[in-house]
């Protein structure tokens, strides 16, 4: 599973658990591509030493996670609609005239 916010939210909703952010470095998840080596090392060490752990979510917390996931999906849809079509996907063709 790719470590992205939407995938994390899907996992938390499906399993009814979430990461306890009390001891999580920075208090928020970072996508691996946006994290530096120090951050990743600290997070791995936190999991190994049980400072970072999974906690069970209440029904209300699961509903909040579902709401957050819905908002991410809406945001992604809006962002995709705002982007102009790429030339490779459009019906624009380039023609060269030779004299």
Protein backbone atom coordinates (compact mmCIF):
# COMPACT_ATOMS: atom_id res chain seq x y z
CA UNK A 1 0.00 0.00 0.00
CA UNK A 2 1.34 3.39 -0.96
CA UNK A 3 1.63 5.62 2.14
CA UNK A 4 -0.72 8.45 1.15
CA UNK A 5 -3.32 10.29 3.25
CA UNK A 6 -6.28 8.69 1.45
CA UNK A 7 -4.85 5.19 1.85
CA UNK A 8 -4.16 5.79 5.54
CA UNK A 9 -7.74 7.00 6.05
CA UNK A 10 -9.12 3.96 4.23
CA UNK A 11 -7.03 1.69 6.45
CA UNK A 12 -8.15 3.41 9.65
CA UNK A 13 -11.81 3.22 8.65
CA UNK A 14 -11.55 -0.41 7.55
CA UNK A 15 -9.66 -1.58 10.66
CA UNK A 16 -11.08 0.87 13.21
CA UNK A 17 -7.60 1.90 14.35
CA UNK A 18 -5.28 4.86 13.90
CA UNK A 19 -1.73 5.82 14.78
CA UNK A 20 -1.43 7.49 18.18
CA UNK A 21 0.17 10.81 17.19
CA UNK A 22 1.26 11.71 20.74
CA UNK A 23 4.79 10.42 20.13
CA UNK A 24 4.82 10.61 16.33
CA UNK A 25 7.58 12.90 15.09
CA UNK A 26 5.99 16.23 14.14
CA UNK A 27 2.53 14.99 15.11
CA UNK A 28 1.47 14.41 11.51
CA UNK A 29 2.05 11.81 8.82
CA UNK A 30 4.36 12.68 5.96
CA UNK A 31 4.47 10.97 2.62
CA UNK A 32 7.84 9.22 2.30
CA UNK A 33 8.80 11.40 -0.68
CA UNK A 34 8.34 14.51 1.53
CA UNK A 35 10.22 13.16 4.56
CA UNK A 36 13.92 13.50 5.17
CA UNK A 37 16.11 10.62 6.33
CA UNK A 38 16.14 11.82 9.95
CA UNK A 39 12.33 11.86 10.08
CA UNK A 40 12.10 8.35 8.66
CA UNK A 41 14.73 7.02 11.08
CA UNK A 42 12.93 8.56 14.05
CA UNK A 43 9.58 7.14 12.98
CA UNK A 44 11.04 3.65 12.49
CA UNK A 45 12.71 3.85 15.91
CA UNK A 46 9.39 4.96 17.44
CA UNK A 47 7.65 1.88 16.05
CA UNK A 48 10.45 -0.42 17.23
CA UNK A 49 10.38 0.95 20.79
CA UNK A 50 6.55 1.03 20.95
CA UNK A 51 6.48 4.80 21.48
CA UNK A 52 4.38 4.96 18.32
CA UNK A 53 1.48 2.54 18.29
CA UNK A 54 -1.96 1.84 16.91
CA UNK A 55 -4.98 2.84 18.97
CA UNK A 56 -8.59 1.75 18.62
CA UNK A 57 -10.98 4.36 17.26
CA UNK A 58 -14.42 5.08 18.64
CA UNK A 59 -17.40 5.03 16.27
CA UNK A 60 -17.38 8.83 16.32
CA UNK A 61 -13.68 8.95 15.37
CA UNK A 62 -14.32 6.52 12.51
CA UNK A 63 -17.06 8.84 11.24
CA UNK A 64 -14.59 11.75 11.34
CA UNK A 65 -12.08 9.70 9.37
CA UNK A 66 -14.80 8.91 6.80
CA UNK A 67 -15.61 12.62 6.52
CA UNK A 68 -11.91 13.45 6.03
CA UNK A 69 -11.64 10.80 3.32
CA UNK A 70 -14.70 12.21 1.54
CA UNK A 71 -13.21 15.70 1.65
CA UNK A 72 -9.92 14.42 0.21
CA UNK A 73 -11.81 12.72 -2.62
CA UNK A 74 -13.77 15.88 -3.40
CA UNK A 75 -10.58 17.95 -3.29
CA UNK A 76 -8.80 15.53 -5.65
CA UNK A 77 -11.75 15.63 -8.06
CA UNK A 78 -11.76 19.44 -8.02
CA UNK A 79 -8.00 19.59 -8.60
CA UNK A 80 -8.27 17.22 -11.55
CA UNK A 81 -11.03 19.32 -13.10
CA UNK A 82 -9.03 22.54 -12.76
CA UNK A 83 -5.98 21.20 -14.61
CA UNK A 84 -5.94 21.78 -18.35
CA UNK A 85 -5.73 18.63 -20.44
CA UNK A 86 -2.19 17.57 -21.22
CA UNK A 87 -1.18 17.66 -24.88
CA UNK A 88 -0.78 13.88 -24.94
CA UNK A 89 -4.42 13.44 -23.94
CA UNK A 90 -5.94 16.13 -26.12
CA UNK A 91 -7.10 16.01 -29.69
CA UNK A 92 -4.55 18.59 -30.76
CA UNK A 93 -2.28 17.36 -33.51
CA UNK A 94 0.87 18.99 -34.75
CA UNK A 95 1.35 19.16 -38.48
CA UNK A 96 4.60 20.07 -40.16
CA UNK A 97 4.61 21.50 -43.64
CA UNK A 98 7.60 20.86 -45.84
CA UNK A 99 8.37 23.20 -48.71
